[in-house]
Amino acid sequence: MNRIIESFARARREGRGHLTIYVTAGDPSLETTAALVSELAAAGVDLVELGIPFSDPLADGPVIQAASQRALERGCTVQGVLQCVARIRETCDLPIAFMTCYNPVLQMGPETFAREARAVGADGVLLTDLPPAEAGGWCDLLAANDLGAIFLVAPSSTPERVELATRLSTGFVYCVSRPGVTGTRDQLPPELADLVQRIRAKTDRPIAVGFGIAKADHVREVCRIADGAIVGSAMVKVIADSPDASTAVERATAFARELAAGKTRS
């Protein structure tokens, strides 16, 4: 069974929420990224979204854009990220999904990317700028390599978009909590529960909520209405604000433990 599917199933069996952490690969270095992912597993994280840096991202807010730019300036490449996952897999079985734009995949070649992603031990892919209506061939490639397809559903999504995105998603459905790009917020949108219900009416796939999830209370609130929460910008900022690589791993791991405390639905 795909590790993503199993991780959500395990959380459901245990009566708790599911926690996904987004990390920009290569910021501050790919060596630090590999070390951090292993520590996140021990801190109670259920899945890691590994961002492949791209110079012109679609959905990333300023914090993740800056992290991607730093990684690119330090020489991070798609091949380097793949090799990073291979190193992680030597000691860690935590589910890993790639999050990026279509351009880096296109440059490598979709068939090659899917094959190599599976070979190094990745479990799923989210391409933020690939519309579900144009993703049929891409989904076939992912399925052929046992990689979960992940699509975004936003408050602005039409009923047709919701239906297609949920039908094509084989890993989980990424529910965007609010319009706009990634970034932290003090409060979650009051209409979030209605959006989750709209998605739930179309699929029995797991639903994870991201964009603006920044603290344990947010995780707890989200996990009461959805299957899981995704924390991105808040974690990337912790890493960026650290004075060196070892401190970044320590602070990020401590923050992950705080967030994991919110997985309980009590």
C-alpha atoms as a PDB file:
ATOM      1  CA  MET A   1       0.000   0.000   0.000  1.00  0.00           C
ATOM      2  CA  ASN A   2       1.208   3.518  -0.786  1.00  0.00           C
ATOM      3  CA  ARG A   3       2.705   5.115   2.334  1.00  0.00           C
ATOM      4  CA  ILE A   4       0.487   8.208   2.052  1.00  0.00           C
ATOM      5  CA  ILE A   5      -2.700   6.161   2.037  1.00  0.00           C
ATOM      6  CA  GLU A   6      -1.472   4.039   4.916  1.00  0.00           C
ATOM      7  CA  SER A   7      -0.496   7.069   7.022  1.00  0.00           C
ATOM      8  CA  PHE A   8      -3.989   8.558   6.755  1.00  0.00           C
ATOM      9  CA  ALA A   9      -5.542   5.155   7.439  1.00  0.00           C
ATOM     10  CA  ARG A  10      -3.383   4.773  10.550  1.00  0.00           C
ATOM     11  CA  ALA A  11      -4.421   8.178  11.861  1.00  0.00           C
ATOM     12  CA  ARG A  12      -8.058   7.279  11.295  1.00  0.00           C
ATOM     13  CA  ARG A  13      -7.679   3.951  13.111  1.00  0.00           C
ATOM     14  CA  GLU A  14      -6.073   5.753  16.038  1.00  0.00           C
ATOM     15  CA  GLY A  15      -8.876   8.329  16.177  1.00  0.00           C
ATOM     16  CA  ARG A  16      -6.633  11.331  15.633  1.00  0.00           C
ATOM     17  CA  GLY A  17      -5.762  13.882  13.010  1.00  0.00           C
ATOM     18  CA  HIS A  18      -2.969  13.643  10.463  1.00  0.00           C
ATOM     19  CA  LEU A  19      -0.107  16.163  10.331  1.00  0.00           C
ATOM     20  CA  THR A  20       1.777  17.097   7.158  1.00  0.00           C
ATOM     21  CA  ILE A  21       4.777  19.421   7.254  1.00  0.00           C
ATOM     22  CA  TYR A  22       6.033  21.298   4.204  1.00  0.00           C
ATOM     23  CA  VAL A  23       9.788  21.856   3.898  1.00  0.00           C
ATOM     24  CA  THR A  24      11.567  23.652   1.055  1.00  0.00           C
ATOM     25  CA  ALA A  25      14.236  21.230  -0.144  1.00  0.00           C
ATOM     26  CA  GLY A  26      17.715  22.713  -0.097  1.00  0.00           C
ATOM     27  CA  ASP A  27      17.064  25.509   2.397  1.00  0.00           C
ATOM     28  CA  PRO A  28      19.522  25.926   3.976  1.00  0.00           C
ATOM     29  CA  SER A  29      21.039  22.816   2.308  1.00  0.00           C
ATOM     30  CA  LEU A  30      19.972  19.407   1.040  1.00  0.00           C
ATOM     31  CA  GLU A  31      22.037  17.803   3.807  1.00  0.00           C
ATOM     32  CA  THR A  32      20.015  19.744   6.378  1.00  0.00           C
ATOM     33  CA  THR A  33      16.774  18.781   4.636  1.00  0.00           C
ATOM     34  CA  ALA A  34      17.663  15.093   4.838  1.00  0.00           C
ATOM     35  CA  ALA A  35      18.587  15.348   8.520  1.00  0.00           C
ATOM     36  CA  LEU A  36      15.410  17.279   9.330  1.00  0.00           C
ATOM     37  CA  VAL A  37      12.991  14.849   7.675  1.00  0.00           C
ATOM     38  CA  SER A  38      14.266  11.989   9.818  1.00  0.00           C
ATOM     39  CA  GLU A  39      13.814  14.106  12.953  1.00  0.00           C
ATOM     40  CA  LEU A  40      10.299  15.133  11.919  1.00  0.00           C
ATOM     41  CA  ALA A  41       9.272  11.493  11.810  1.00  0.00           C
ATOM     42  CA  ALA A  42      10.330  11.083  15.435  1.00  0.00           C
ATOM     43  CA  ALA A  43       8.505  14.305  16.379  1.00  0.00           C
ATOM     44  CA  GLY A  44       5.095  12.948  15.381  1.00  0.00           C
ATOM     45  CA  VAL A  45       4.796  14.199  11.800  1.00  0.00           C
ATOM     46  CA  ASP A  46       2.833  11.848   9.534  1.00  0.00           C
ATOM     47  CA  LEU A  47       3.918  13.083   6.102  1.00  0.00           C
ATOM     48  CA  VAL A  48       6.411  15.550   4.632  1.00  0.00           C
ATOM     49  CA  GLU A  49       5.744  17.681   1.585  1.00  0.00           C
ATOM     50  CA  LEU A  50       9.121  18.365   0.051  1.00  0.00           C
ATOM     51  CA  GLY A  51       9.063  21.509  -2.030  1.00  0.00           C
ATOM     52  CA  ILE A  52      11.182  21.392  -5.181  1.00  0.00           C
ATOM     53  CA  PRO A  53      12.371  24.990  -5.665  1.00  0.00           C
ATOM     54  CA  PHE A  54      11.265  26.844  -8.775  1.00  0.00           C
ATOM     55  CA  SER A  55      12.041  30.445  -9.728  1.00  0.00           C
ATOM     56  CA  ASP A  56       8.458  31.408 -10.698  1.00  0.00           C
ATOM     57  CA  PRO A  57       6.078  29.616  -8.317  1.00  0.00           C
ATOM     58  CA  LEU A  58       2.316  29.912  -8.531  1.00  0.00           C
ATOM     59  CA  ALA A  59       0.902  29.331  -5.047  1.00  0.00           C
ATOM     60  CA  ASP A  60       3.856  30.187  -2.793  1.00  0.00           C
ATOM     61  CA  GLY A  61       3.730  33.213  -0.525  1.00  0.00           C
ATOM     62  CA  PRO A  62       6.759  35.390   0.308  1.00  0.00           C
ATOM     63  CA  VAL A  63       8.224  33.104   2.987  1.00  0.00           C
ATOM     64  CA  ILE A  64       8.359  30.035   0.751  1.00  0.00           C
ATOM     65  CA  GLN A  65       9.354  32.099  -2.292  1.00  0.00           C
ATOM     66  CA  ALA A  66      12.361  33.404  -0.379  1.00  0.00           C
ATOM     67  CA  ALA A  67      13.287  29.894   0.778  1.00  0.00           C
ATOM     68  CA  SER A  68      13.081  28.589  -2.791  1.00  0.00           C
ATOM     69  CA  GLN A  69      15.254  31.425  -4.059  1.00  0.00           C
ATOM     70  CA  ARG A  70      17.898  30.736  -1.408  1.00  0.00           C
ATOM     71  CA  ALA A  71      17.900  27.052  -2.316  1.00  0.00           C
ATOM     72  CA  LEU A  72      18.270  27.806  -6.024  1.00  0.00           C
ATOM     73  CA  GLU A  73      21.120  30.238  -5.353  1.00  0.00           C
ATOM     74  CA  ARG A  74      22.897  27.465  -3.428  1.00  0.00           C
ATOM     75  CA  GLY A  75      22.629  25.126  -6.392  1.00  0.00           C
ATOM     76  CA  CYS A  76      19.588  23.015  -5.521  1.00  0.00           C
ATOM     77  CA  THR A  77      18.320  21.026  -8.531  1.00  0.00           C
ATOM     78  CA  VAL A  78      15.574  18.498  -9.183  1.00  0.00           C
ATOM     79  CA  GLN A  79      18.181  15.751  -9.381  1.00  0.00           C
ATOM     80  CA  GLY A  80      19.654  16.921  -6.099  1.00  0.00           C
ATOM     81  CA  VAL A  81      16.257  16.735  -4.410  1.00  0.00           C
ATOM     82  CA  LEU A  82      15.746  13.206  -5.742  1.00  0.00           C
ATOM     83  CA  GLN A  83      19.129  12.188  -4.349  1.00  0.00           C
ATOM     84  CA  CYS A  84      18.161  13.801  -1.036  1.00  0.00           C
ATOM     85  CA  VAL A  85      15.095  11.550  -0.818  1.00  0.00           C
ATOM     86  CA  ALA A  86      17.256   8.525  -1.596  1.00  0.00           C
ATOM     87  CA  ARG A  87      19.458   9.451   1.392  1.00  0.00           C
ATOM     88  CA  ILE A  88      16.416   9.914   3.615  1.00  0.00           C
ATOM     89  CA  ARG A  89      15.150   6.467   2.652  1.00  0.00           C
ATOM     90  CA  GLU A  90      18.326   4.853   3.994  1.00  0.00           C
ATOM     91  CA  THR A  91      17.063   5.466   7.534  1.00  0.00           C
ATOM     92  CA  CYS A  92      13.516   6.846   7.394  1.00  0.00           C
ATOM     93  CA  ASP A  93      10.185   5.471   6.133  1.00  0.00           C
ATOM     94  CA  LEU A  94       8.129   8.664   6.596  1.00  0.00           C
ATOM     95  CA  PRO A  95       5.793   9.303   3.632  1.00  0.00           C
ATOM     96  CA  ILE A  96       7.137  11.990   1.272  1.00  0.00           C
ATOM     97  CA  ALA A  97       5.232  13.931  -1.382  1.00  0.00           C
ATOM     98  CA  PHE A  98       6.814  16.386  -3.780  1.00  0.00           C
ATOM     99  CA  MET A  99       5.226  19.809  -4.233  1.00  0.00           C
ATOM    100  CA  THR A 100       6.326  21.957  -7.144  1.00  0.00           C
ATOM    101  CA  CYS A 101       5.258  23.531 -10.427  1.00  0.00           C
ATOM    102  CA  TYR A 102       5.025  21.693 -13.734  1.00  0.00           C
ATOM    103  CA  ASN A 103       8.064  23.365 -15.298  1.00  0.00           C
ATOM    104  CA  PRO A 104      10.759  21.466 -13.351  1.00  0.00           C
ATOM    105  CA  VAL A 105       8.957  18.210 -14.134  1.00  0.00           C
ATOM    106  CA  LEU A 106       8.652  19.132 -17.804  1.00  0.00           C
ATOM    107  CA  GLN A 107      12.347  19.988 -18.009  1.00  0.00           C
ATOM    108  CA  MET A 108      13.307  16.538 -16.753  1.00  0.00           C
ATOM    109  CA  GLY A 109      10.519  14.838 -18.689  1.00  0.00           C
ATOM    110  CA  PRO A 110       7.339  13.695 -16.929  1.00  0.00           C
ATOM    111  CA  GLU A 111       8.018   9.997 -17.557  1.00  0.00           C
ATOM    112  CA  THR A 112      11.572  10.266 -16.232  1.00  0.00           C
ATOM    113  CA  PHE A 113      10.519  12.326 -13.241  1.00  0.00           C
ATOM    114  CA  ALA A 114       7.772   9.903 -12.209  1.00  0.00           C
ATOM    115  CA  ARG A 115      10.039   6.895 -12.649  1.00  0.00           C
ATOM    116  CA  GLU A 116      12.931   8.427 -10.695  1.00  0.00           C
ATOM    117  CA  ALA A 117      10.643   9.782  -7.978  1.00  0.00           C
ATOM    118  CA  ARG A 118       9.359   6.300  -7.355  1.00  0.00           C
ATOM    119  CA  ALA A 119      12.842   4.785  -7.572  1.00  0.00           C
ATOM    120  CA  VAL A 120      14.165   6.989  -4.751  1.00  0.00           C
ATOM    121  CA  GLY A 121      11.145   6.305  -2.543  1.00  0.00           C
ATOM    122  CA  ALA A 122       8.744   9.225  -2.994  1.00  0.00           C
ATOM    123  CA  ASP A 123       5.044   8.544  -2.474  1.00  0.00           C
ATOM    124  CA  GLY A 124       3.123  11.331  -4.208  1.00  0.00           C
ATOM    125  CA  VAL A 125       3.296  14.544  -6.230  1.00  0.00           C
ATOM    126  CA  LEU A 126       1.380  17.827  -6.195  1.00  0.00           C
ATOM    127  CA  LEU A 127       1.890  20.152  -9.164  1.00  0.00           C
ATOM    128  CA  THR A 128       0.332  23.448  -8.127  1.00  0.00           C
ATOM    129  CA  ASP A 129      -0.130  24.835 -11.651  1.00  0.00           C
ATOM    130  CA  LEU A 130      -1.388  21.719 -13.444  1.00  0.00           C
ATOM    131  CA  PRO A 131      -5.212  21.932 -13.702  1.00  0.00           C
ATOM    132  CA  PRO A 132      -7.070  18.647 -13.177  1.00  0.00           C
ATOM    133  CA  ALA A 133      -8.710  19.070 -16.586  1.00  0.00           C
ATOM    134  CA  GLU A 134      -5.272  18.805 -18.219  1.00  0.00           C
ATOM    135  CA  ALA A 135      -3.789  16.164 -15.926  1.00  0.00           C
ATOM    136  CA  GLY A 136      -5.113  12.891 -17.308  1.00  0.00           C
ATOM    137  CA  GLY A 137      -1.819  11.744 -18.818  1.00  0.00           C
ATOM    138  CA  TRP A 138       0.109  12.887 -15.756  1.00  0.00           C
ATOM    139  CA  CYS A 139      -2.179  10.913 -13.462  1.00  0.00           C
ATOM    140  CA  ASP A 140      -1.614   7.826 -15.588  1.00  0.00           C
ATOM    141  CA  LEU A 141       2.159   8.225 -15.135  1.00  0.00           C
ATOM    142  CA  LEU A 142       1.770   8.572 -11.379  1.00  0.00           C
ATOM    143  CA  ALA A 143      -0.469   5.508 -11.168  1.00  0.00           C
ATOM    144  CA  ALA A 144       1.985   3.463 -13.226  1.00  0.00           C
ATOM    145  CA  ASN A 145       4.681   4.309 -10.674  1.00  0.00           C
ATOM    146  CA  ASP A 146       2.513   3.871  -7.549  1.00  0.00           C
ATOM    147  CA  LEU A 147       2.680   7.582  -6.781  1.00  0.00           C
ATOM    148  CA  GLY A 148      -0.290   9.363  -5.269  1.00  0.00           C
ATOM    149  CA  ALA A 149      -1.829  12.227  -7.249  1.00  0.00           C
ATOM    150  CA  ILE A 150      -2.666  15.282  -5.132  1.00  0.00           C
ATOM    151  CA  PHE A 151      -4.798  18.188  -6.328  1.00  0.00           C
ATOM    152  CA  LEU A 152      -5.794  21.509  -4.813  1.00  0.00           C
ATOM    153  CA  VAL A 153      -9.395  22.518  -4.078  1.00  0.00           C
ATOM    154  CA  ALA A 154      -9.899  26.157  -3.101  1.00  0.00           C
ATOM    155  CA  PRO A 155     -12.871  28.192  -1.877  1.00  0.00           C
ATOM    156  CA  SER A 156     -13.172  29.580  -5.412  1.00  0.00           C
ATOM    157  CA  SER A 157     -13.258  26.144  -7.072  1.00  0.00           C
ATOM    158  CA  THR A 158     -16.339  25.507  -9.176  1.00  0.00           C
ATOM    159  CA  PRO A 159     -18.425  22.385  -8.516  1.00  0.00           C
ATOM    160  CA  GLU A 160     -16.976  20.913 -11.703  1.00  0.00           C
ATOM    161  CA  ARG A 161     -13.422  21.573 -10.517  1.00  0.00           C
ATOM    162  CA  VAL A 162     -14.162  20.063  -7.106  1.00  0.00           C
ATOM    163  CA  GLU A 163     -15.598  16.942  -8.673  1.00  0.00           C
ATOM    164  CA  LEU A 164     -12.697  16.446 -11.091  1.00  0.00           C
ATOM    165  CA  ALA A 165      -9.982  17.220  -8.532  1.00  0.00           C
ATOM    166  CA  THR A 166     -11.434  14.809  -6.006  1.00  0.00           C
ATOM    167  CA  ARG A 167     -11.889  12.083  -8.607  1.00  0.00           C
ATOM    168  CA  LEU A 168      -8.279  12.339  -9.799  1.00  0.00           C
ATOM    169  CA  SER A 169      -6.712  12.633  -6.330  1.00  0.00           C
ATOM    170  CA  THR A 170      -5.368   9.261  -5.237  1.00  0.00           C
ATOM    171  CA  GLY A 171      -3.175  10.335  -2.325  1.00  0.00           C
ATOM    172  CA  PHE A 172      -5.279  12.953  -0.557  1.00  0.00           C
ATOM    173  CA  VAL A 173      -7.225  16.074  -1.492  1.00  0.00           C
ATOM    174  CA  TYR A 174      -5.429  19.304  -0.585  1.00  0.00           C
ATOM    175  CA  CYS A 175      -8.057  21.738   0.703  1.00  0.00           C
ATOM    176  CA  VAL A 176      -6.847  25.342   0.405  1.00  0.00           C
ATOM    177  CA  SER A 177      -8.302  27.109   3.430  1.00  0.00           C
ATOM    178  CA  ARG A 178      -8.556  30.562   1.830  1.00  0.00           C
ATOM    179  CA  PRO A 179      -7.964  32.356  -1.466  1.00  0.00           C
ATOM    180  CA  GLY A 180      -4.460  33.542  -2.296  1.00  0.00           C
ATOM    181  CA  VAL A 181      -0.995  32.176  -1.674  1.00  0.00           C
ATOM    182  CA  THR A 182       0.629  30.353   1.216  1.00  0.00           C
ATOM    183  CA  GLY A 183       1.351  32.207   4.447  1.00  0.00           C
ATOM    184  CA  THR A 184       0.534  32.269   8.146  1.00  0.00           C
ATOM    185  CA  ARG A 185      -2.676  33.696   9.605  1.00  0.00           C
ATOM    186  CA  ASP A 186      -3.927  34.270  13.149  1.00  0.00           C
ATOM    187  CA  GLN A 187      -7.348  32.712  12.568  1.00  0.00           C
ATOM    188  CA  LEU A 188      -8.867  30.151  10.238  1.00  0.00           C
ATOM    189  CA  PRO A 189     -11.658  31.233   7.865  1.00  0.00           C
ATOM    190  CA  PRO A 190     -15.138  30.699   9.353  1.00  0.00           C
ATOM    191  CA  GLU A 191     -16.348  29.160   6.085  1.00  0.00           C
ATOM    192  CA  LEU A 192     -13.686  26.429   6.138  1.00  0.00           C
ATOM    193  CA  ALA A 193     -16.013  23.759   7.532  1.00  0.00           C
ATOM    194  CA  ASP A 194     -18.444  24.331   4.671  1.00  0.00           C
ATOM    195  CA  LEU A 195     -15.649  23.953   2.121  1.00  0.00           C
ATOM    196  CA  VAL A 196     -14.520  20.689   3.690  1.00  0.00           C
ATOM    197  CA  GLN A 197     -18.094  19.427   3.555  1.00  0.00           C
ATOM    198  CA  ARG A 198     -18.330  20.349  -0.129  1.00  0.00           C
ATOM    199  CA  ILE A 199     -15.263  18.235  -0.787  1.00  0.00           C
ATOM    200  CA  ARG A 200     -16.403  15.422   1.500  1.00  0.00           C
ATOM    201  CA  ALA A 201     -19.629  15.117  -0.456  1.00  0.00           C
ATOM    202  CA  LYS A 202     -17.600  14.216  -3.546  1.00  0.00           C
ATOM    203  CA  THR A 203     -15.001  11.767  -2.225  1.00  0.00           C
ATOM    204  CA  ASP A 204     -13.996   9.334   0.477  1.00  0.00           C
ATOM    205  CA  ARG A 205     -10.323  10.208  -0.022  1.00  0.00           C
ATOM    206  CA  PRO A 206      -8.584  11.892   2.927  1.00  0.00           C
ATOM    207  CA  ILE A 207      -8.874  15.682   3.061  1.00  0.00           C
ATOM    208  CA  ALA A 208      -5.994  17.749   4.443  1.00  0.00           C
ATOM    209  CA  VAL A 209      -6.233  21.505   4.962  1.00  0.00           C
ATOM    210  CA  GLY A 210      -3.350  23.867   4.259  1.00  0.00           C
ATOM    211  CA  PHE A 211      -2.567  27.590   3.721  1.00  0.00           C
ATOM    212  CA  GLY A 212      -2.544  29.594   6.935  1.00  0.00           C
ATOM    213  CA  ILE A 213      -2.152  26.711   9.412  1.00  0.00           C
ATOM    214  CA  ALA A 214       0.485  28.017  11.794  1.00  0.00           C
ATOM    215  CA  LYS A 215       0.096  26.640  15.333  1.00  0.00           C
ATOM    216  CA  ALA A 216      -1.126  23.673  17.348  1.00  0.00           C
ATOM    217  CA  ASP A 217      -4.540  25.253  17.946  1.00  0.00           C
ATOM    218  CA  HIS A 218      -5.002  25.558  14.178  1.00  0.00           C
ATOM    219  CA  VAL A 219      -4.028  21.909  13.733  1.00  0.00           C
ATOM    220  CA  ARG A 220      -6.510  20.864  16.409  1.00  0.00           C
ATOM    221  CA  GLU A 221      -9.306  22.942  14.895  1.00  0.00           C
ATOM    222  CA  VAL A 222      -8.660  21.606  11.396  1.00  0.00           C
ATOM    223  CA  CYS A 223      -8.452  17.997  12.538  1.00  0.00           C
ATOM    224  CA  ARG A 224     -11.944  18.251  14.001  1.00  0.00           C
ATOM    225  CA  ILE A 225     -13.446  18.953  10.578  1.00  0.00           C
ATOM    226  CA  ALA A 226     -10.980  17.302   8.168  1.00  0.00           C
ATOM    227  CA  ASP A 227      -8.633  14.332   8.150  1.00  0.00           C
ATOM    228  CA  GLY A 228      -5.478  16.349   8.593  1.00  0.00           C
ATOM    229  CA  ALA A 229      -3.625  19.659   8.633  1.00  0.00           C
ATOM    230  CA  ILE A 230      -0.708  20.935   6.566  1.00  0.00           C
ATOM    231  CA  VAL A 231       1.795  23.420   7.990  1.00  0.00           C
ATOM    232  CA  GLY A 232       4.132  25.123   5.541  1.00  0.00           C
ATOM    233  CA  SER A 233       5.131  28.780   5.835  1.00  0.00           C
ATOM    234  CA  ALA A 234       5.291  28.740   9.630  1.00  0.00           C
ATOM    235  CA  MET A 235       7.777  25.851   9.530  1.00  0.00           C
ATOM    236  CA  VAL A 236       9.805  27.370   6.691  1.00  0.00           C
ATOM    237  CA  LYS A 237      10.106  30.592   8.710  1.00  0.00           C
ATOM    238  CA  VAL A 238      11.398  28.705  11.753  1.00  0.00           C
ATOM    239  CA  ILE A 239      14.112  27.196   9.575  1.00  0.00           C
ATOM    240  CA  ALA A 240      14.921  30.517   7.881  1.00  0.00           C
ATOM    241  CA  ASP A 241      15.214  32.381  11.192  1.00  0.00           C
ATOM    242  CA  SER A 242      17.705  29.898  12.645  1.00  0.00           C
ATOM    243  CA  PRO A 243      21.350  31.024  12.805  1.00  0.00           C
ATOM    244  CA  ASP A 244      22.819  27.775  11.477  1.00  0.00           C
ATOM    245  CA  ALA A 245      21.848  24.359  10.106  1.00  0.00           C
ATOM    246  CA  SER A 246      22.023  22.386  13.343  1.00  0.00           C
ATOM    247  CA  THR A 247      19.922  24.965  15.168  1.00  0.00           C
ATOM    248  CA  ALA A 248      17.424  24.900  12.291  1.00  0.00           C
ATOM    249  CA  VAL A 249      16.945  21.157  12.737  1.00  0.00           C
ATOM    250  CA  GLU A 250      16.548  21.519  16.500  1.00  0.00           C
ATOM    251  CA  ARG A 251      14.064  24.391  16.319  1.00  0.00           C
ATOM    252  CA  ALA A 252      12.057  22.849  13.496  1.00  0.00           C
ATOM    253  CA  THR A 253      11.827  19.541  15.354  1.00  0.00           C
ATOM    254  CA  ALA A 254      10.667  21.281  18.535  1.00  0.00           C
ATOM    255  CA  PHE A 255       8.049  23.212  16.554  1.00  0.00           C
ATOM    256  CA  ALA A 256       6.859  19.982  14.927  1.00  0.00           C
ATOM    257  CA  ARG A 257       6.346  18.437  18.366  1.00  0.00           C
ATOM    258  CA  GLU A 258       4.207  21.427  19.363  1.00  0.00           C
ATOM    259  CA  LEU A 259       2.130  21.076  16.199  1.00  0.00           C
ATOM    260  CA  ALA A 260       1.762  17.304  16.631  1.00  0.00           C
ATOM    261  CA  ALA A 261       0.130  17.915  20.007  1.00  0.00           C
ATOM    262  CA  GLY A 262      -2.791  19.381  18.055  1.00  0.00           C
ATOM    263  CA  LYS A 263      -3.560  16.110  16.259  1.00  0.00           C
ATOM    264  CA  THR A 264      -5.815  15.007  19.082  1.00  0.00           C
ATOM    265  CA  ARG A 265      -9.509  15.637  18.472  1.00  0.00           C
ATOM    266  CA  SER A 266     -10.395  15.877  22.183  1.00  0.00           C
END
